[in-house]
Each structure stands twice: as structure tokens, then as C-alpha cells.
Amino acid sequence: MARKYQRYTPEFREQAAKLVVEGQRSIVEVAREYGLGETTLGNWVRKYRDDHAEDESSPELSERAELRRRVREQEMELSFLKKAAAYFAREQR
């Protein structure tokens, strides 16, 4: 027998997605709790994030991206300096 699709209200979809996004719970946990498919809930979470991404202002996003770039550069420099220090310490012996 063919299974009928169950329709969920937009409020229910948003509530379930909010549990994942803001509640630090996994998609699997929430999907099992509510009897949903993981893929279905994953789609709702992605849509929720897309809809609410506009809430953050553009200057905040660009500043965050700039800070992440600077952190990556500093991590690379630190790694290089650690290797150089180990090389010169080994050469002294």
C-alpha cells in the first residue's frame, strides 16, 4: 500500500529547525524525537539558516571573514616559526 505524505505546518518546521540551529542538538536527535526523516529535517534546517542569515548585517559578516583570514595567516606563521625554532635548536647540538 502506498504511503501518503504527511504535511507539516510552517510553524512546526521552523520550531524543529530552531531546535537544531539554536539548541545545539543534532539533526538525528531531533528527527528521531519527532519521528521525521533526517533528510527532511536537514532541508528545513538549511532553509531556516538561509532565511535567518539576512538578520546579520553586512559589516559584521565582512569583519568576521576578515578576522578568520587573519587567524589563518597567523596560524601559518606560527607553524613556520615553530619549525624554524626546532631546526635551529637541533643544529646547535
PDB file of N, CA and C in Angstrom:
ATOM      1  N   MET A   1       0.832  -1.168   0.000  1.00  0.00           N
ATOM      2  CA  MET A   1       0.000   0.000   0.000  1.00  0.00           C
ATOM      3  C   MET A   1       0.884   1.242   0.000  1.00  0.00           C
ATOM      4  N   ALA A   2       0.522   2.204  -0.790  1.00  0.00           N
ATOM      5  CA  ALA A   2       1.307   3.429  -0.898  1.00  0.00           C
ATOM      6  C   ALA A   2       1.133   4.269   0.363  1.00  0.00           C
ATOM      7  N   ARG A   3       2.205   4.861   0.780  1.00  0.00           N
ATOM      8  CA  ARG A   3       2.191   5.694   1.970  1.00  0.00           C
ATOM      9  C   ARG A   3       1.906   7.139   1.588  1.00  0.00           C
ATOM     10  N   LYS A   4       1.009   7.783   2.300  1.00  0.00           N
ATOM     11  CA  LYS A   4       0.686   9.169   1.995  1.00  0.00           C
ATOM     12  C   LYS A   4       1.714  10.077   2.662  1.00  0.00           C
ATOM     13  N   TYR A   5       1.982  11.172   2.007  1.00  0.00           N
ATOM     14  CA  TYR A   5       2.901  12.151   2.571  1.00  0.00           C
ATOM     15  C   TYR A   5       2.197  12.930   3.674  1.00  0.00           C
ATOM     16  N   GLN A   6       2.932  13.170   4.728  1.00  0.00           N
ATOM     17  CA  GLN A   6       2.384  13.946   5.827  1.00  0.00           C
ATOM     18  C   GLN A   6       2.786  15.399   5.648  1.00  0.00           C
ATOM     19  N   ARG A   7       1.853  16.273   5.829  1.00  0.00           N
ATOM     20  CA  ARG A   7       2.123  17.709   5.691  1.00  0.00           C
ATOM     21  C   ARG A   7       2.333  18.303   7.076  1.00  0.00           C
ATOM     22  N   TYR A   8       3.350  19.169   7.175  1.00  0.00           N
ATOM     23  CA  TYR A   8       3.656  19.833   8.430  1.00  0.00           C
ATOM     24  C   TYR A   8       3.445  21.334   8.262  1.00  0.00           C
ATOM     25  N   THR A   9       3.002  21.963   9.317  1.00  0.00           N
ATOM     26  CA  THR A   9       2.770  23.403   9.262  1.00  0.00           C
ATOM     27  C   THR A   9       4.106  24.135   9.231  1.00  0.00           C
ATOM     28  N   PRO A  10       4.130  25.324   8.663  1.00  0.00           N
ATOM     29  CA  PRO A  10       5.370  26.109   8.657  1.00  0.00           C
ATOM     30  C   PRO A  10       5.887  26.385  10.068  1.00  0.00           C
ATOM     31  N   GLU A  11       4.974  26.552  11.025  1.00  0.00           N
ATOM     32  CA  GLU A  11       5.388  26.796  12.403  1.00  0.00           C
ATOM     33  C   GLU A  11       6.117  25.589  12.985  1.00  0.00           C
ATOM     34  N   PHE A  12       5.594  24.387  12.688  1.00  0.00           N
ATOM     35  CA  PHE A  12       6.236  23.166  13.167  1.00  0.00           C
ATOM     36  C   PHE A  12       7.619  23.008  12.549  1.00  0.00           C
ATOM     37  N   ARG A  13       7.715  23.279  11.250  1.00  0.00           N
ATOM     38  CA  ARG A  13       9.000  23.169  10.562  1.00  0.00           C
ATOM     39  C   ARG A  13      10.035  24.114  11.170  1.00  0.00           C
ATOM     40  N   GLU A  14       9.588  25.352  11.421  1.00  0.00           N
ATOM     41  CA  GLU A  14      10.504  26.340  11.994  1.00  0.00           C
ATOM     42  C   GLU A  14      10.921  25.947  13.407  1.00  0.00           C
ATOM     43  N   GLN A  15       9.990  25.439  14.190  1.00  0.00           N
ATOM     44  CA  GLN A  15      10.304  25.032  15.558  1.00  0.00           C
ATOM     45  C   GLN A  15      11.319  23.890  15.564  1.00  0.00           C
ATOM     46  N   ALA A  16      11.128  22.900  14.708  1.00  0.00           N
ATOM     47  CA  ALA A  16      12.051  21.769  14.647  1.00  0.00           C
ATOM     48  C   ALA A  16      13.432  22.223  14.178  1.00  0.00           C
ATOM     49  N   ALA A  17      13.478  23.096  13.177  1.00  0.00           N
ATOM     50  CA  ALA A  17      14.761  23.603  12.683  1.00  0.00           C
ATOM     51  C   ALA A  17      15.448  24.446  13.744  1.00  0.00           C
ATOM     52  N   LYS A  18      14.674  25.227  14.490  1.00  0.00           N
ATOM     53  CA  LYS A  18      15.233  26.082  15.537  1.00  0.00           C
ATOM     54  C   LYS A  18      15.878  25.241  16.642  1.00  0.00           C
ATOM     55  N   LEU A  19      15.298  24.072  16.929  1.00  0.00           N
ATOM     56  CA  LEU A  19      15.892  23.183  17.929  1.00  0.00           C
ATOM     57  C   LEU A  19      17.299  22.761  17.526  1.00  0.00           C
ATOM     58  N   VAL A  20      17.509  22.549  16.244  1.00  0.00           N
ATOM     59  CA  VAL A  20      18.830  22.146  15.759  1.00  0.00           C
ATOM     60  C   VAL A  20      19.776  23.338  15.735  1.00  0.00           C
ATOM     61  N   VAL A  21      19.321  24.454  15.195  1.00  0.00           N
ATOM     62  CA  VAL A  21      20.199  25.615  14.997  1.00  0.00           C
ATOM     63  C   VAL A  21      20.556  26.272  16.323  1.00  0.00           C
ATOM     64  N   GLU A  22      19.572  26.535  17.155  1.00  0.00           N
ATOM     65  CA  GLU A  22      19.813  27.285  18.374  1.00  0.00           C
ATOM     66  C   GLU A  22      20.008  26.397  19.590  1.00  0.00           C
ATOM     67  N   GLY A  23      19.617  25.151  19.510  1.00  0.00           N
ATOM     68  CA  GLY A  23      19.688  24.263  20.656  1.00  0.00           C
ATOM     69  C   GLY A  23      20.916  23.382  20.698  1.00  0.00           C
ATOM     70  N   GLN A  24      21.795  23.486  19.746  1.00  0.00           N
ATOM     71  CA  GLN A  24      22.996  22.664  19.657  1.00  0.00           C
ATOM     72  C   GLN A  24      22.680  21.167  19.761  1.00  0.00           C
ATOM     73  N   ARG A  25      21.573  20.774  19.149  1.00  0.00           N
ATOM     74  CA  ARG A  25      21.226  19.365  19.073  1.00  0.00           C
ATOM     75  C   ARG A  25      21.410  18.921  17.634  1.00  0.00           C
ATOM     76  N   SER A  26      21.718  17.663  17.451  1.00  0.00           N
ATOM     77  CA  SER A  26      21.961  17.179  16.099  1.00  0.00           C
ATOM     78  C   SER A  26      20.646  16.951  15.361  1.00  0.00           C
ATOM     79  N   ILE A  27      20.747  16.938  14.062  1.00  0.00           N
ATOM     80  CA  ILE A  27      19.587  16.684  13.216  1.00  0.00           C
ATOM     81  C   ILE A  27      19.028  15.294  13.517  1.00  0.00           C
ATOM     82  N   VAL A  28      19.902  14.338  13.742  1.00  0.00           N
ATOM     83  CA  VAL A  28      19.468  12.966  14.006  1.00  0.00           C
ATOM     84  C   VAL A  28      18.637  12.896  15.288  1.00  0.00           C
ATOM     85  N   GLU A  29      19.100  13.564  16.347  1.00  0.00           N
ATOM     86  CA  GLU A  29      18.379  13.538  17.618  1.00  0.00           C
ATOM     87  C   GLU A  29      16.969  14.110  17.475  1.00  0.00           C
ATOM     88  N   VAL A  30      16.879  15.282  16.869  1.00  0.00           N
ATOM     89  CA  VAL A  30      15.577  15.948  16.730  1.00  0.00           C
ATOM     90  C   VAL A  30      14.669  15.153  15.792  1.00  0.00           C
ATOM     91  N   ALA A  31      15.236  14.623  14.717  1.00  0.00           N
ATOM     92  CA  ALA A  31      14.429  13.842  13.767  1.00  0.00           C
ATOM     93  C   ALA A  31      13.844  12.608  14.443  1.00  0.00           C
ATOM     94  N   ARG A  32      14.630  11.922  15.246  1.00  0.00           N
ATOM     95  CA  ARG A  32      14.114  10.738  15.946  1.00  0.00           C
ATOM     96  C   ARG A  32      13.060  11.120  16.971  1.00  0.00           C
ATOM     97  N   GLU A  33      13.288  12.230  17.668  1.00  0.00           N
ATOM     98  CA  GLU A  33      12.338  12.666  18.694  1.00  0.00           C
ATOM     99  C   GLU A  33      10.962  12.966  18.104  1.00  0.00           C
ATOM    100  N   TYR A  34      10.945  13.598  16.929  1.00  0.00           N
ATOM    101  CA  TYR A  34       9.683  13.993  16.307  1.00  0.00           C
ATOM    102  C   TYR A  34       9.195  13.004  15.251  1.00  0.00           C
ATOM    103  N   GLY A  35       9.952  11.947  14.997  1.00  0.00           N
ATOM    104  CA  GLY A  35       9.537  10.961  14.006  1.00  0.00           C
ATOM    105  C   GLY A  35       9.640  11.470  12.582  1.00  0.00           C
ATOM    106  N   LEU A  36      10.667  12.267  12.319  1.00  0.00           N
ATOM    107  CA  LEU A  36      10.873  12.844  10.986  1.00  0.00           C
ATOM    108  C   LEU A  36      12.026  12.137  10.288  1.00  0.00           C
ATOM    109  N   GLY A  37      12.079  12.311   8.983  1.00  0.00           N
ATOM    110  CA  GLY A  37      13.228  11.843   8.236  1.00  0.00           C
ATOM    111  C   GLY A  37      14.386  12.824   8.407  1.00  0.00           C
ATOM    112  N   GLU A  38      15.589  12.287   8.498  1.00  0.00           N
ATOM    113  CA  GLU A  38      16.758  13.147   8.697  1.00  0.00           C
ATOM    114  C   GLU A  38      16.967  14.104   7.532  1.00  0.00           C
ATOM    115  N   THR A  39      16.738  13.624   6.328  1.00  0.00           N
ATOM    116  CA  THR A  39      16.899  14.473   5.150  1.00  0.00           C
ATOM    117  C   THR A  39      15.868  15.597   5.154  1.00  0.00           C
ATOM    118  N   THR A  40      14.655  15.261   5.519  1.00  0.00           N
ATOM    119  CA  THR A  40      13.598  16.269   5.572  1.00  0.00           C
ATOM    120  C   THR A  40      13.964  17.369   6.559  1.00  0.00           C
ATOM    121  N   LEU A  41      14.338  16.970   7.765  1.00  0.00           N
ATOM    122  CA  LEU A  41      14.710  17.956   8.775  1.00  0.00           C
ATOM    123  C   LEU A  41      15.948  18.733   8.347  1.00  0.00           C
ATOM    124  N   GLY A  42      16.882  18.074   7.701  1.00  0.00           N
ATOM    125  CA  GLY A  42      18.070  18.767   7.198  1.00  0.00           C
ATOM    126  C   GLY A  42      17.714  19.857   6.200  1.00  0.00           C
ATOM    127  N   ASN A  43      16.740  19.567   5.345  1.00  0.00           N
ATOM    128  CA  ASN A  43      16.279  20.586   4.394  1.00  0.00           C
ATOM    129  C   ASN A  43      15.638  21.760   5.118  1.00  0.00           C
ATOM    130  N   TRP A  44      14.855  21.459   6.155  1.00  0.00           N
ATOM    131  CA  TRP A  44      14.216  22.534   6.924  1.00  0.00           C
ATOM    132  C   TRP A  44      15.265  23.392   7.622  1.00  0.00           C
ATOM    133  N   VAL A  45      16.304  22.756   8.154  1.00  0.00           N
ATOM    134  CA  VAL A  45      17.373  23.493   8.845  1.00  0.00           C
ATOM    135  C   VAL A  45      18.103  24.396   7.863  1.00  0.00           C
ATOM    136  N   ARG A  46      18.409  23.878   6.681  1.00  0.00           N
ATOM    137  CA  ARG A  46      19.099  24.681   5.676  1.00  0.00           C
ATOM    138  C   ARG A  46      18.247  25.895   5.281  1.00  0.00           C
ATOM    139  N   LYS A  47      16.957  25.675   5.079  1.00  0.00           N
ATOM    140  CA  LYS A  47      16.065  26.784   4.743  1.00  0.00           C
ATOM    141  C   LYS A  47      15.987  27.794   5.881  1.00  0.00           C
ATOM    142  N   TYR A  48      15.918  27.318   7.111  1.00  0.00           N
ATOM    143  CA  TYR A  48      15.864  28.211   8.275  1.00  0.00           C
ATOM    144  C   TYR A  48      17.127  29.072   8.337  1.00  0.00           C
ATOM    145  N   ARG A  49      18.275  28.443   8.132  1.00  0.00           N
ATOM    146  CA  ARG A  49      19.539  29.206   8.167  1.00  0.00           C
ATOM    147  C   ARG A  49      19.595  30.225   7.040  1.00  0.00           C
ATOM    148  N   ASP A  50      19.137  29.840   5.856  1.00  0.00           N
ATOM    149  CA  ASP A  50      19.128  30.777   4.729  1.00  0.00           C
ATOM    150  C   ASP A  50      18.202  31.952   4.999  1.00  0.00           C
ATOM    151  N   ASP A  51      17.033  31.665   5.553  1.00  0.00           N
ATOM    152  CA  ASP A  51      16.063  32.728   5.833  1.00  0.00           C
ATOM    153  C   ASP A  51      16.551  33.680   6.912  1.00  0.00           C
ATOM    154  N   HIS A  52      17.282  33.163   7.886  1.00  0.00           N
ATOM    155  CA  HIS A  52      17.716  33.991   9.006  1.00  0.00           C
ATOM    156  C   HIS A  52      19.138  34.521   8.846  1.00  0.00           C
ATOM    157  N   ALA A  53      19.796  34.207   7.760  1.00  0.00           N
ATOM    158  CA  ALA A  53      21.146  34.730   7.519  1.00  0.00           C
ATOM    159  C   ALA A  53      21.095  36.213   7.213  1.00  0.00           C
ATOM    160  N   GLU A  54      19.963  36.677   6.723  1.00  0.00           N
ATOM    161  CA  GLU A  54      19.816  38.092   6.391  1.00  0.00           C
ATOM    162  C   GLU A  54      19.740  38.957   7.640  1.00  0.00           C
ATOM    163  N   ASP A  55      19.511  38.332   8.798  1.00  0.00           N
ATOM    164  CA  ASP A  55      19.405  39.081  10.044  1.00  0.00           C
ATOM    165  C   ASP A  55      20.724  39.754  10.418  1.00  0.00           C
ATOM    166  N   GLU A  56      21.828  39.128  10.060  1.00  0.00           N
ATOM    167  CA  GLU A  56      23.130  39.702  10.373  1.00  0.00           C
ATOM    168  C   GLU A  56      23.467  40.774   9.346  1.00  0.00           C
ATOM    169  N   SER A  57      24.008  41.857   9.831  1.00  0.00           N
ATOM    170  CA  SER A  57      24.325  42.948   8.910  1.00  0.00           C
ATOM    171  C   SER A  57      25.598  42.643   8.132  1.00  0.00           C
ATOM    172  N   SER A  58      25.733  43.262   7.011  1.00  0.00           N
ATOM    173  CA  SER A  58      26.864  43.032   6.119  1.00  0.00           C
ATOM    174  C   SER A  58      28.205  43.402   6.751  1.00  0.00           C
ATOM    175  N   PRO A  59      28.320  44.516   7.473  1.00  0.00           N
ATOM    176  CA  PRO A  59      29.618  44.830   8.089  1.00  0.00           C
ATOM    177  C   PRO A  59      30.080  43.753   9.074  1.00  0.00           C
ATOM    178  N   GLU A  60      29.144  43.170   9.809  1.00  0.00           N
ATOM    179  CA  GLU A  60      29.520  42.109  10.739  1.00  0.00           C
ATOM    180  C   GLU A  60      30.054  40.894   9.997  1.00  0.00           C
ATOM    181  N   LEU A  61      29.412  40.547   8.890  1.00  0.00           N
ATOM    182  CA  LEU A  61      29.859  39.391   8.118  1.00  0.00           C
ATOM    183  C   LEU A  61      31.235  39.625   7.518  1.00  0.00           C
ATOM    184  N   SER A  62      31.473  40.805   6.974  1.00  0.00           N
ATOM    185  CA  SER A  62      32.774  41.074   6.374  1.00  0.00           C
ATOM    186  C   SER A  62      33.862  41.145   7.437  1.00  0.00           C
ATOM    187  N   GLU A  63      33.538  41.701   8.599  1.00  0.00           N
ATOM    188  CA  GLU A  63      34.527  41.753   9.681  1.00  0.00           C
ATOM    189  C   GLU A  63      34.876  40.348  10.158  1.00  0.00           C
ATOM    190  N   ARG A  64      33.870  39.490  10.288  1.00  0.00           N
ATOM    191  CA  ARG A  64      34.113  38.119  10.711  1.00  0.00           C
ATOM    192  C   ARG A  64      34.978  37.374   9.702  1.00  0.00           C
ATOM    193  N   ALA A  65      34.711  37.563   8.424  1.00  0.00           N
ATOM    194  CA  ALA A  65      35.514  36.919   7.384  1.00  0.00           C
ATOM    195  C   ALA A  65      36.956  37.411   7.436  1.00  0.00           C
ATOM    196  N   GLU A  66      37.147  38.719   7.653  1.00  0.00           N
ATOM    197  CA  GLU A  66      38.489  39.292   7.755  1.00  0.00           C
ATOM    198  C   GLU A  66      39.228  38.718   8.959  1.00  0.00           C
ATOM    199  N   LEU A  67      38.552  38.591  10.077  1.00  0.00           N
ATOM    200  CA  LEU A  67      39.184  38.030  11.273  1.00  0.00           C
ATOM    201  C   LEU A  67      39.568  36.571  11.072  1.00  0.00           C
ATOM    202  N   ARG A  68      38.724  35.814  10.408  1.00  0.00           N
ATOM    203  CA  ARG A  68      39.059  34.412  10.129  1.00  0.00           C
ATOM    204  C   ARG A  68      40.284  34.316   9.227  1.00  0.00           C
ATOM    205  N   ARG A  69      40.364  35.198   8.230  1.00  0.00           N
ATOM    206  CA  ARG A  69      41.513  35.205   7.330  1.00  0.00           C
ATOM    207  C   ARG A  69      42.788  35.520   8.105  1.00  0.00           C
ATOM    208  N   ARG A  70      42.724  36.512   8.994  1.00  0.00           N
ATOM    209  CA  ARG A  70      43.900  36.892   9.777  1.00  0.00           C
ATOM    210  C   ARG A  70      44.332  35.770  10.714  1.00  0.00           C
ATOM    211  N   VAL A  71      43.375  35.067  11.303  1.00  0.00           N
ATOM    212  CA  VAL A  71      43.703  33.950  12.187  1.00  0.00           C
ATOM    213  C   VAL A  71      44.410  32.853  11.404  1.00  0.00           C
ATOM    214  N   ARG A  72      43.907  32.546  10.203  1.00  0.00           N
ATOM    215  CA  ARG A  72      44.561  31.526   9.365  1.00  0.00           C
ATOM    216  C   ARG A  72      45.996  31.908   9.050  1.00  0.00           C
ATOM    217  N   GLU A  73      46.211  33.171   8.686  1.00  0.00           N
ATOM    218  CA  GLU A  73      47.568  33.628   8.376  1.00  0.00           C
ATOM    219  C   GLU A  73      48.477  33.513   9.593  1.00  0.00           C
ATOM    220  N   GLN A  74      47.984  33.912  10.754  1.00  0.00           N
ATOM    221  CA  GLN A  74      48.808  33.849  11.963  1.00  0.00           C
ATOM    222  C   GLN A  74      49.098  32.412  12.367  1.00  0.00           C
ATOM    223  N   GLU A  75      48.151  31.507  12.153  1.00  0.00           N
ATOM    224  CA  GLU A  75      48.402  30.096  12.436  1.00  0.00           C
ATOM    225  C   GLU A  75      49.488  29.544  11.524  1.00  0.00           C
ATOM    226  N   MET A  76      49.487  29.955  10.254  1.00  0.00           N
ATOM    227  CA  MET A  76      50.521  29.505   9.324  1.00  0.00           C
ATOM    228  C   MET A  76      51.889  30.062   9.741  1.00  0.00           C
ATOM    229  N   GLU A  77      51.934  31.332  10.128  1.00  0.00           N
ATOM    230  CA  GLU A  77      53.186  31.932  10.569  1.00  0.00           C
ATOM    231  C   GLU A  77      53.705  31.246  11.821  1.00  0.00           C
ATOM    232  N   LEU A  78      52.834  30.953  12.769  1.00  0.00           N
ATOM    233  CA  LEU A  78      53.234  30.284  13.998  1.00  0.00           C
ATOM    234  C   LEU A  78      53.790  28.899  13.701  1.00  0.00           C
ATOM    235  N   SER A  79      53.144  28.185  12.809  1.00  0.00           N
ATOM    236  CA  SER A  79      53.622  26.855  12.433  1.00  0.00           C
ATOM    237  C   SER A  79      55.018  26.938  11.821  1.00  0.00           C
ATOM    238  N   PHE A  80      55.233  27.916  10.953  1.00  0.00           N
ATOM    239  CA  PHE A  80      56.547  28.098  10.331  1.00  0.00           C
ATOM    240  C   PHE A  80      57.598  28.428  11.385  1.00  0.00           C
ATOM    241  N   LEU A  81      57.280  29.318  12.304  1.00  0.00           N
ATOM    242  CA  LEU A  81      58.236  29.708  13.336  1.00  0.00           C
ATOM    243  C   LEU A  81      58.576  28.543  14.258  1.00  0.00           C
ATOM    244  N   LYS A  82      57.620  27.703  14.567  1.00  0.00           N
ATOM    245  CA  LYS A  82      57.887  26.527  15.394  1.00  0.00           C
ATOM    246  C   LYS A  82      58.857  25.581  14.683  1.00  0.00           C
ATOM    247  N   LYS A  83      58.639  25.387  13.393  1.00  0.00           N
ATOM    248  CA  LYS A  83      59.526  24.510  12.624  1.00  0.00           C
ATOM    249  C   LYS A  83      60.924  25.097  12.535  1.00  0.00           C
ATOM    250  N   ALA A  84      61.026  26.405  12.337  1.00  0.00           N
ATOM    251  CA  ALA A  84      62.332  27.057  12.253  1.00  0.00           C
ATOM    252  C   ALA A  84      63.056  26.960  13.591  1.00  0.00           C
ATOM    253  N   ALA A  85      62.349  27.170  14.684  1.00  0.00           N
ATOM    254  CA  ALA A  85      62.963  27.099  16.006  1.00  0.00           C
ATOM    255  C   ALA A  85      63.471  25.678  16.273  1.00  0.00           C
ATOM    256  N   ALA A  86      62.692  24.667  15.886  1.00  0.00           N
ATOM    257  CA  ALA A  86      63.108  23.284  16.079  1.00  0.00           C
ATOM    258  C   ALA A  86      64.335  22.977  15.229  1.00  0.00           C
ATOM    259  N   TYR A  87      64.386  23.510  14.020  1.00  0.00           N
ATOM    260  CA  TYR A  87      65.526  23.276  13.143  1.00  0.00           C
ATOM    261  C   TYR A  87      66.800  23.875  13.722  1.00  0.00           C
ATOM    262  N   PHE A  88      66.734  25.123  14.158  1.00  0.00           N
ATOM    263  CA  PHE A  88      67.925  25.791  14.698  1.00  0.00           C
ATOM    264  C   PHE A  88      68.323  25.214  16.049  1.00  0.00           C
ATOM    265  N   ALA A  89      67.391  24.747  16.842  1.00  0.00           N
ATOM    266  CA  ALA A  89      67.727  24.117  18.119  1.00  0.00           C
ATOM    267  C   ALA A  89      68.442  22.799  17.866  1.00  0.00           C
ATOM    268  N   ARG A  90      68.021  22.090  16.859  1.00  0.00           N
ATOM    269  CA  ARG A  90      68.658  20.809  16.530  1.00  0.00           C
ATOM    270  C   ARG A  90      70.060  21.059  15.955  1.00  0.00           C
ATOM    271  N   GLU A  91      70.260  22.151  15.232  1.00  0.00           N
ATOM    272  CA  GLU A  91      71.540  22.475  14.606  1.00  0.00           C
ATOM    273  C   GLU A  91      72.588  22.857  15.659  1.00  0.00           C
ATOM    274  N   GLN A  92      72.203  23.399  16.787  1.00  0.00           N
ATOM    275  CA  GLN A  92      73.111  23.825  17.836  1.00  0.00           C
ATOM    276  C   GLN A  92      73.823  22.658  18.496  1.00  0.00           C
ATOM    277  N   ARG A  93      73.250  21.504  18.516  1.00  0.00           N
ATOM    278  CA  ARG A  93      73.819  20.344  19.212  1.00  0.00           C
ATOM    279  C   ARG A  93      74.986  19.800  18.524  1.00  0.00           C
TER     280      ARG A  93
END
